[in-house]
Amino acid sequence: MADKIQNAYETSKNIYDDVLTQRNIFSKLYIKLFWSGTDDNDIARKVLSYVPDDFSGKLLDVPVGTAVFTENKWISLKM
């Protein structure tokens, strides 16, 4: 049973990331059709822009999914 769950997660995380980041034409069409063209990349960039690059405090990041939107920001922080 654990293998089935792991396999389902591995398969769905790629679809999830592709749709949210609109990496391919099918994802872009899906977002345009069902979500009125909402671009989660723009939303994430706007929210993350409030975290300064020299931030050195504690911050709770609760990714819902694969952290595809926050990974690059956290890597770029000067620590």
PDB file of N, CA and C in Angstrom:
ATOM      1  N   MET A   1       0.816  -1.197   0.000  1.00  0.00           N
ATOM      2  CA  MET A   1       0.000   0.000   0.000  1.00  0.00           C
ATOM      3  C   MET A   1       0.861   1.263   0.000  1.00  0.00           C
ATOM      4  N   ALA A   2       1.949   1.248   0.762  1.00  0.00           N
ATOM      5  CA  ALA A   2       2.816   2.429   0.834  1.00  0.00           C
ATOM      6  C   ALA A   2       3.387   2.773  -0.537  1.00  0.00           C
ATOM      7  N   ASP A   3       3.713   1.745  -1.336  1.00  0.00           N
ATOM      8  CA  ASP A   3       4.235   1.996  -2.684  1.00  0.00           C
ATOM      9  C   ASP A   3       3.201   2.690  -3.559  1.00  0.00           C
ATOM     10  N   LYS A   4       1.947   2.299  -3.444  1.00  0.00           N
ATOM     11  CA  LYS A   4       0.883   2.932  -4.230  1.00  0.00           C
ATOM     12  C   LYS A   4       0.745   4.411  -3.858  1.00  0.00           C
ATOM     13  N   ILE A   5       0.807   4.687  -2.582  1.00  0.00           N
ATOM     14  CA  ILE A   5       0.692   6.068  -2.118  1.00  0.00           C
ATOM     15  C   ILE A   5       1.884   6.881  -2.602  1.00  0.00           C
ATOM     16  N   GLN A   6       3.078   6.327  -2.456  1.00  0.00           N
ATOM     17  CA  GLN A   6       4.287   7.026  -2.900  1.00  0.00           C
ATOM     18  C   GLN A   6       4.257   7.268  -4.404  1.00  0.00           C
ATOM     19  N   ASN A   7       3.853   6.266  -5.166  1.00  0.00           N
ATOM     20  CA  ASN A   7       3.773   6.418  -6.626  1.00  0.00           C
ATOM     21  C   ASN A   7       2.742   7.474  -7.019  1.00  0.00           C
ATOM     22  N   ALA A   8       1.614   7.478  -6.341  1.00  0.00           N
ATOM     23  CA  ALA A   8       0.581   8.481  -6.633  1.00  0.00           C
ATOM     24  C   ALA A   8       1.103   9.877  -6.336  1.00  0.00           C
ATOM     25  N   TYR A   9       1.815  10.015  -5.227  1.00  0.00           N
ATOM     26  CA  TYR A   9       2.380  11.324  -4.882  1.00  0.00           C
ATOM     27  C   TYR A   9       3.406  11.757  -5.927  1.00  0.00           C
ATOM     28  N   GLU A  10       4.308  10.876  -6.295  1.00  0.00           N
ATOM     29  CA  GLU A  10       5.351  11.211  -7.274  1.00  0.00           C
ATOM     30  C   GLU A  10       4.741  11.647  -8.602  1.00  0.00           C
ATOM     31  N   THR A  11       3.685  10.980  -9.018  1.00  0.00           N
ATOM     32  CA  THR A  11       3.024  11.332 -10.274  1.00  0.00           C
ATOM     33  C   THR A  11       2.293  12.662 -10.158  1.00  0.00           C
ATOM     34  N   SER A  12       1.551  12.836  -9.085  1.00  0.00           N
ATOM     35  CA  SER A  12       0.725  14.040  -8.958  1.00  0.00           C
ATOM     36  C   SER A  12       1.539  15.294  -8.672  1.00  0.00           C
ATOM     37  N   LYS A  13       2.679  15.181  -7.997  1.00  0.00           N
ATOM     38  CA  LYS A  13       3.455  16.388  -7.683  1.00  0.00           C
ATOM     39  C   LYS A  13       3.970  17.053  -8.952  1.00  0.00           C
ATOM     40  N   ASN A  14       4.308  16.261  -9.960  1.00  0.00           N
ATOM     41  CA  ASN A  14       4.765  16.837 -11.224  1.00  0.00           C
ATOM     42  C   ASN A  14       3.633  17.570 -11.930  1.00  0.00           C
ATOM     43  N   ILE A  15       2.461  16.980 -11.918  1.00  0.00           N
ATOM     44  CA  ILE A  15       1.291  17.624 -12.528  1.00  0.00           C
ATOM     45  C   ILE A  15       0.956  18.897 -11.757  1.00  0.00           C
ATOM     46  N   TYR A  16       0.965  18.813 -10.450  1.00  0.00           N
ATOM     47  CA  TYR A  16       0.663  19.950  -9.576  1.00  0.00           C
ATOM     48  C   TYR A  16       1.604  21.113  -9.873  1.00  0.00           C
ATOM     49  N   ASP A  17       2.900  20.849  -9.887  1.00  0.00           N
ATOM     50  CA  ASP A  17       3.886  21.901 -10.156  1.00  0.00           C
ATOM     51  C   ASP A  17       3.724  22.471 -11.556  1.00  0.00           C
ATOM     52  N   ASP A  18       3.513  21.614 -12.534  1.00  0.00           N
ATOM     53  CA  ASP A  18       3.350  22.087 -13.912  1.00  0.00           C
ATOM     54  C   ASP A  18       2.145  23.011 -14.053  1.00  0.00           C
ATOM     55  N   VAL A  19       1.050  22.638 -13.423  1.00  0.00           N
ATOM     56  CA  VAL A  19      -0.162  23.461 -13.529  1.00  0.00           C
ATOM     57  C   VAL A  19       0.029  24.795 -12.810  1.00  0.00           C
ATOM     58  N   LEU A  20       0.515  24.763 -11.589  1.00  0.00           N
ATOM     59  CA  LEU A  20       0.657  26.008 -10.830  1.00  0.00           C
ATOM     60  C   LEU A  20       1.681  26.957 -11.430  1.00  0.00           C
ATOM     61  N   THR A  21       2.746  26.419 -11.992  1.00  0.00           N
ATOM     62  CA  THR A  21       3.779  27.281 -12.575  1.00  0.00           C
ATOM     63  C   THR A  21       3.539  27.535 -14.054  1.00  0.00           C
ATOM     64  N   GLN A  22       2.535  26.884 -14.607  1.00  0.00           N
ATOM     65  CA  GLN A  22       2.168  27.043 -16.023  1.00  0.00           C
ATOM     66  C   GLN A  22       3.366  26.791 -16.938  1.00  0.00           C
ATOM     67  N   ARG A  23       4.029  25.669 -16.712  1.00  0.00           N
ATOM     68  CA  ARG A  23       5.245  25.326 -17.453  1.00  0.00           C
ATOM     69  C   ARG A  23       4.994  24.904 -18.894  1.00  0.00           C
ATOM     70  N   ASN A  24       3.808  24.460 -19.193  1.00  0.00           N
ATOM     71  CA  ASN A  24       3.564  24.035 -20.575  1.00  0.00           C
ATOM     72  C   ASN A  24       2.238  24.609 -21.079  1.00  0.00           C
ATOM     73  N   ILE A  25       2.006  24.453 -22.344  1.00  0.00           N
ATOM     74  CA  ILE A  25       0.833  25.052 -22.993  1.00  0.00           C
ATOM     75  C   ILE A  25      -0.479  24.505 -22.425  1.00  0.00           C
ATOM     76  N   PHE A  26      -0.504  23.224 -22.081  1.00  0.00           N
ATOM     77  CA  PHE A  26      -1.734  22.633 -21.544  1.00  0.00           C
ATOM     78  C   PHE A  26      -2.066  23.225 -20.170  1.00  0.00           C
ATOM     79  N   SER A  27      -1.039  23.442 -19.369  1.00  0.00           N
ATOM     80  CA  SER A  27      -1.253  24.065 -18.059  1.00  0.00           C
ATOM     81  C   SER A  27      -1.751  25.495 -18.216  1.00  0.00           C
ATOM     82  N   LYS A  28      -1.182  26.223 -19.151  1.00  0.00           N
ATOM     83  CA  LYS A  28      -1.616  27.601 -19.399  1.00  0.00           C
ATOM     84  C   LYS A  28      -3.071  27.642 -19.852  1.00  0.00           C
ATOM     85  N   LEU A  29      -3.445  26.716 -20.723  1.00  0.00           N
ATOM     86  CA  LEU A  29      -4.836  26.647 -21.184  1.00  0.00           C
ATOM     87  C   LEU A  29      -5.783  26.306 -20.034  1.00  0.00           C
ATOM     88  N   TYR A  30      -5.379  25.351 -19.215  1.00  0.00           N
ATOM     89  CA  TYR A  30      -6.190  24.952 -18.063  1.00  0.00           C
ATOM     90  C   TYR A  30      -6.418  26.145 -17.129  1.00  0.00           C
ATOM     91  N   ILE A  31      -5.344  26.855 -16.802  1.00  0.00           N
ATOM     92  CA  ILE A  31      -5.449  28.015 -15.914  1.00  0.00           C
ATOM     93  C   ILE A  31      -6.326  29.088 -16.543  1.00  0.00           C
ATOM     94  N   LYS A  32      -6.146  29.329 -17.815  1.00  0.00           N
ATOM     95  CA  LYS A  32      -6.936  30.347 -18.518  1.00  0.00           C
ATOM     96  C   LYS A  32      -8.419  29.978 -18.502  1.00  0.00           C
ATOM     97  N   LEU A  33      -8.718  28.717 -18.783  1.00  0.00           N
ATOM     98  CA  LEU A  33     -10.096  28.261 -18.894  1.00  0.00           C
ATOM     99  C   LEU A  33     -10.803  28.171 -17.536  1.00  0.00           C
ATOM    100  N   PHE A  34     -10.150  27.545 -16.553  1.00  0.00           N
ATOM    101  CA  PHE A  34     -10.823  27.266 -15.287  1.00  0.00           C
ATOM    102  C   PHE A  34     -10.540  28.276 -14.176  1.00  0.00           C
ATOM    103  N   TRP A  35      -9.467  29.052 -14.303  1.00  0.00           N
ATOM    104  CA  TRP A  35      -9.095  29.989 -13.243  1.00  0.00           C
ATOM    105  C   TRP A  35      -8.983  31.419 -13.751  1.00  0.00           C
ATOM    106  N   SER A  36      -9.566  31.711 -14.872  1.00  0.00           N
ATOM    107  CA  SER A  36      -9.580  33.064 -15.451  1.00  0.00           C
ATOM    108  C   SER A  36      -8.183  33.651 -15.631  1.00  0.00           C
ATOM    109  N   GLY A  37      -7.202  32.793 -15.842  1.00  0.00           N
ATOM    110  CA  GLY A  37      -5.846  33.257 -16.123  1.00  0.00           C
ATOM    111  C   GLY A  37      -5.042  33.677 -14.916  1.00  0.00           C
ATOM    112  N   THR A  38      -5.484  33.332 -13.718  1.00  0.00           N
ATOM    113  CA  THR A  38      -4.739  33.688 -12.510  1.00  0.00           C
ATOM    114  C   THR A  38      -3.329  33.124 -12.586  1.00  0.00           C
ATOM    115  N   ASP A  39      -2.335  33.984 -12.380  1.00  0.00           N
ATOM    116  CA  ASP A  39      -0.943  33.546 -12.438  1.00  0.00           C
ATOM    117  C   ASP A  39      -0.375  33.469 -11.023  1.00  0.00           C
ATOM    118  N   ASP A  40      -0.269  32.253 -10.512  1.00  0.00           N
ATOM    119  CA  ASP A  40       0.249  32.055  -9.162  1.00  0.00           C
ATOM    120  C   ASP A  40       1.705  32.485  -9.047  1.00  0.00           C
ATOM    121  N   ASN A  41       2.438  32.476 -10.152  1.00  0.00           N
ATOM    122  CA  ASN A  41       3.824  32.945 -10.133  1.00  0.00           C
ATOM    123  C   ASN A  41       3.876  34.419  -9.755  1.00  0.00           C
ATOM    124  N   ASP A  42       2.994  35.221 -10.339  1.00  0.00           N
ATOM    125  CA  ASP A  42       2.947  36.653 -10.019  1.00  0.00           C
ATOM    126  C   ASP A  42       2.583  36.886  -8.556  1.00  0.00           C
ATOM    127  N   ILE A  43       1.617  36.125  -8.083  1.00  0.00           N
ATOM    128  CA  ILE A  43       1.191  36.258  -6.687  1.00  0.00           C
ATOM    129  C   ILE A  43       2.343  35.904  -5.753  1.00  0.00           C
ATOM    130  N   ALA A  44       3.022  34.798  -6.028  1.00  0.00           N
ATOM    131  CA  ALA A  44       4.144  34.375  -5.186  1.00  0.00           C
ATOM    132  C   ALA A  44       5.271  35.395  -5.214  1.00  0.00           C
ATOM    133  N   ARG A  45       5.595  35.916  -6.391  1.00  0.00           N
ATOM    134  CA  ARG A  45       6.655  36.929  -6.488  1.00  0.00           C
ATOM    135  C   ARG A  45       6.303  38.165  -5.662  1.00  0.00           C
ATOM    136  N   LYS A  46       5.058  38.588  -5.729  1.00  0.00           N
ATOM    137  CA  LYS A  46       4.618  39.770  -4.983  1.00  0.00           C
ATOM    138  C   LYS A  46       4.754  39.538  -3.478  1.00  0.00           C
ATOM    139  N   VAL A  47       4.256  38.415  -3.008  1.00  0.00           N
ATOM    140  CA  VAL A  47       4.319  38.111  -1.577  1.00  0.00           C
ATOM    141  C   VAL A  47       5.775  37.985  -1.121  1.00  0.00           C
ATOM    142  N   LEU A  48       6.588  37.266  -1.889  1.00  0.00           N
ATOM    143  CA  LEU A  48       7.983  37.060  -1.501  1.00  0.00           C
ATOM    144  C   LEU A  48       8.819  38.331  -1.597  1.00  0.00           C
ATOM    145  N   SER A  49       8.354  39.301  -2.367  1.00  0.00           N
ATOM    146  CA  SER A  49       9.100  40.560  -2.471  1.00  0.00           C
ATOM    147  C   SER A  49       9.112  41.318  -1.144  1.00  0.00           C
ATOM    148  N   TYR A  50       8.186  40.993  -0.254  1.00  0.00           N
ATOM    149  CA  TYR A  50       8.147  41.636   1.057  1.00  0.00           C
ATOM    150  C   TYR A  50       9.204  41.081   2.012  1.00  0.00           C
ATOM    151  N   VAL A  51       9.806  39.946   1.670  1.00  0.00           N
ATOM    152  CA  VAL A  51      10.878  39.377   2.482  1.00  0.00           C
ATOM    153  C   VAL A  51      12.194  39.935   1.946  1.00  0.00           C
ATOM    154  N   PRO A  52      12.892  40.775   2.730  1.00  0.00           N
ATOM    155  CA  PRO A  52      14.130  41.370   2.226  1.00  0.00           C
ATOM    156  C   PRO A  52      15.217  40.318   2.000  1.00  0.00           C
ATOM    157  N   ASP A  53      16.084  40.571   1.028  1.00  0.00           N
ATOM    158  CA  ASP A  53      17.142  39.613   0.704  1.00  0.00           C
ATOM    159  C   ASP A  53      18.152  39.446   1.834  1.00  0.00           C
ATOM    160  N   ASP A  54      18.226  40.415   2.727  1.00  0.00           N
ATOM    161  CA  ASP A  54      19.156  40.290   3.853  1.00  0.00           C
ATOM    162  C   ASP A  54      18.443  39.831   5.133  1.00  0.00           C
ATOM    163  N   PHE A  55      17.279  39.246   4.978  1.00  0.00           N
ATOM    164  CA  PHE A  55      16.500  38.744   6.113  1.00  0.00           C
ATOM    165  C   PHE A  55      17.317  37.700   6.861  1.00  0.00           C
ATOM    166  N   SER A  56      17.378  37.821   8.186  1.00  0.00           N
ATOM    167  CA  SER A  56      18.164  36.858   8.960  1.00  0.00           C
ATOM    168  C   SER A  56      17.407  36.334  10.181  1.00  0.00           C
ATOM    169  N   GLY A  57      16.138  36.642  10.279  1.00  0.00           N
ATOM    170  CA  GLY A  57      15.346  36.185  11.413  1.00  0.00           C
ATOM    171  C   GLY A  57      14.770  34.801  11.176  1.00  0.00           C
ATOM    172  N   LYS A  58      13.779  34.473  11.946  1.00  0.00           N
ATOM    173  CA  LYS A  58      13.091  33.196  11.791  1.00  0.00           C
ATOM    174  C   LYS A  58      11.822  33.438  10.997  1.00  0.00           C
ATOM    175  N   LEU A  59      11.533  32.509  10.129  1.00  0.00           N
ATOM    176  CA  LEU A  59      10.361  32.632   9.276  1.00  0.00           C
ATOM    177  C   LEU A  59       9.752  31.254   9.086  1.00  0.00           C
ATOM    178  N   LEU A  60       8.467  31.154   9.270  1.00  0.00           N
ATOM    179  CA  LEU A  60       7.776  29.888   9.075  1.00  0.00           C
ATOM    180  C   LEU A  60       7.238  29.838   7.658  1.00  0.00           C
ATOM    181  N   ASP A  61       7.715  28.877   6.899  1.00  0.00           N
ATOM    182  CA  ASP A  61       7.224  28.655   5.540  1.00  0.00           C
ATOM    183  C   ASP A  61       6.461  27.344   5.556  1.00  0.00           C
ATOM    184  N   VAL A  62       5.180  27.404   5.274  1.00  0.00           N
ATOM    185  CA  VAL A  62       4.356  26.204   5.267  1.00  0.00           C
ATOM    186  C   VAL A  62       3.952  25.928   3.828  1.00  0.00           C
ATOM    187  N   PRO A  63       4.801  25.199   3.098  1.00  0.00           N
ATOM    188  CA  PRO A  63       4.462  24.920   1.709  1.00  0.00           C
ATOM    189  C   PRO A  63       3.310  23.932   1.622  1.00  0.00           C
ATOM    190  N   VAL A  64       2.407  24.214   0.760  1.00  0.00           N
ATOM    191  CA  VAL A  64       1.303  23.300   0.501  1.00  0.00           C
ATOM    192  C   VAL A  64       1.595  22.709  -0.870  1.00  0.00           C
ATOM    193  N   GLY A  65       2.303  21.625  -0.857  1.00  0.00           N
ATOM    194  CA  GLY A  65       2.743  21.025  -2.115  1.00  0.00           C
ATOM    195  C   GLY A  65       4.237  20.817  -2.094  1.00  0.00           C
ATOM    196  N   THR A  66       4.926  21.377  -3.070  1.00  0.00           N
ATOM    197  CA  THR A  66       6.342  21.081  -3.239  1.00  0.00           C
ATOM    198  C   THR A  66       7.257  22.270  -3.005  1.00  0.00           C
ATOM    199  N   ALA A  67       6.753  23.363  -2.527  1.00  0.00           N
ATOM    200  CA  ALA A  67       7.531  24.582  -2.270  1.00  0.00           C
ATOM    201  C   ALA A  67       8.124  25.156  -3.547  1.00  0.00           C
ATOM    202  N   VAL A  68       7.501  24.911  -4.660  1.00  0.00           N
ATOM    203  CA  VAL A  68       8.012  25.370  -5.949  1.00  0.00           C
ATOM    204  C   VAL A  68       8.099  26.892  -6.025  1.00  0.00           C
ATOM    205  N   PHE A  69       7.271  27.599  -5.298  1.00  0.00           N
ATOM    206  CA  PHE A  69       7.277  29.059  -5.363  1.00  0.00           C
ATOM    207  C   PHE A  69       8.300  29.695  -4.421  1.00  0.00           C
ATOM    208  N   THR A  70       8.623  29.046  -3.321  1.00  0.00           N
ATOM    209  CA  THR A  70       9.484  29.667  -2.319  1.00  0.00           C
ATOM    210  C   THR A  70      10.925  29.185  -2.341  1.00  0.00           C
ATOM    211  N   GLU A  71      11.195  28.101  -2.982  1.00  0.00           N
ATOM    212  CA  GLU A  71      12.541  27.520  -2.964  1.00  0.00           C
ATOM    213  C   GLU A  71      13.616  28.520  -3.391  1.00  0.00           C
ATOM    214  N   ASN A  72      13.437  29.176  -4.517  1.00  0.00           N
ATOM    215  CA  ASN A  72      14.458  30.104  -5.014  1.00  0.00           C
ATOM    216  C   ASN A  72      14.660  31.293  -4.083  1.00  0.00           C
ATOM    217  N   LYS A  73      13.605  31.766  -3.470  1.00  0.00           N
ATOM    218  CA  LYS A  73      13.735  32.885  -2.532  1.00  0.00           C
ATOM    219  C   LYS A  73      14.591  32.482  -1.347  1.00  0.00           C
ATOM    220  N   TRP A  74      14.326  31.314  -0.788  1.00  0.00           N
ATOM    221  CA  TRP A  74      15.071  30.888   0.396  1.00  0.00           C
ATOM    222  C   TRP A  74      16.533  30.632   0.045  1.00  0.00           C
ATOM    223  N   ILE A  75      16.796  30.130  -1.136  1.00  0.00           N
ATOM    224  CA  ILE A  75      18.178  29.907  -1.571  1.00  0.00           C
ATOM    225  C   ILE A  75      18.911  31.239  -1.716  1.00  0.00           C
ATOM    226  N   SER A  76      18.206  32.263  -2.185  1.00  0.00           N
ATOM    227  CA  SER A  76      18.843  33.555  -2.447  1.00  0.00           C
ATOM    228  C   SER A  76      19.090  34.394  -1.197  1.00  0.00           C
ATOM    229  N   LEU A  77      18.477  34.031  -0.081  1.00  0.00           N
ATOM    230  CA  LEU A  77      18.668  34.822   1.136  1.00  0.00           C
ATOM    231  C   LEU A  77      20.120  34.762   1.592  1.00  0.00           C
ATOM    232  N   LYS A  78      20.646  35.894   1.977  1.00  0.00           N
ATOM    233  CA  LYS A  78      22.027  35.979   2.471  1.00  0.00           C
ATOM    234  C   LYS A  78      22.029  35.569   3.933  1.00  0.00           C
ATOM    235  N   MET A  79      22.644  34.468   4.214  1.00  0.00           N
ATOM    236  CA  MET A  79      22.647  33.977   5.598  1.00  0.00           C
ATOM    237  C   MET A  79      24.049  33.959   6.146  1.00  0.00           C
TER     238      MET A  79
END
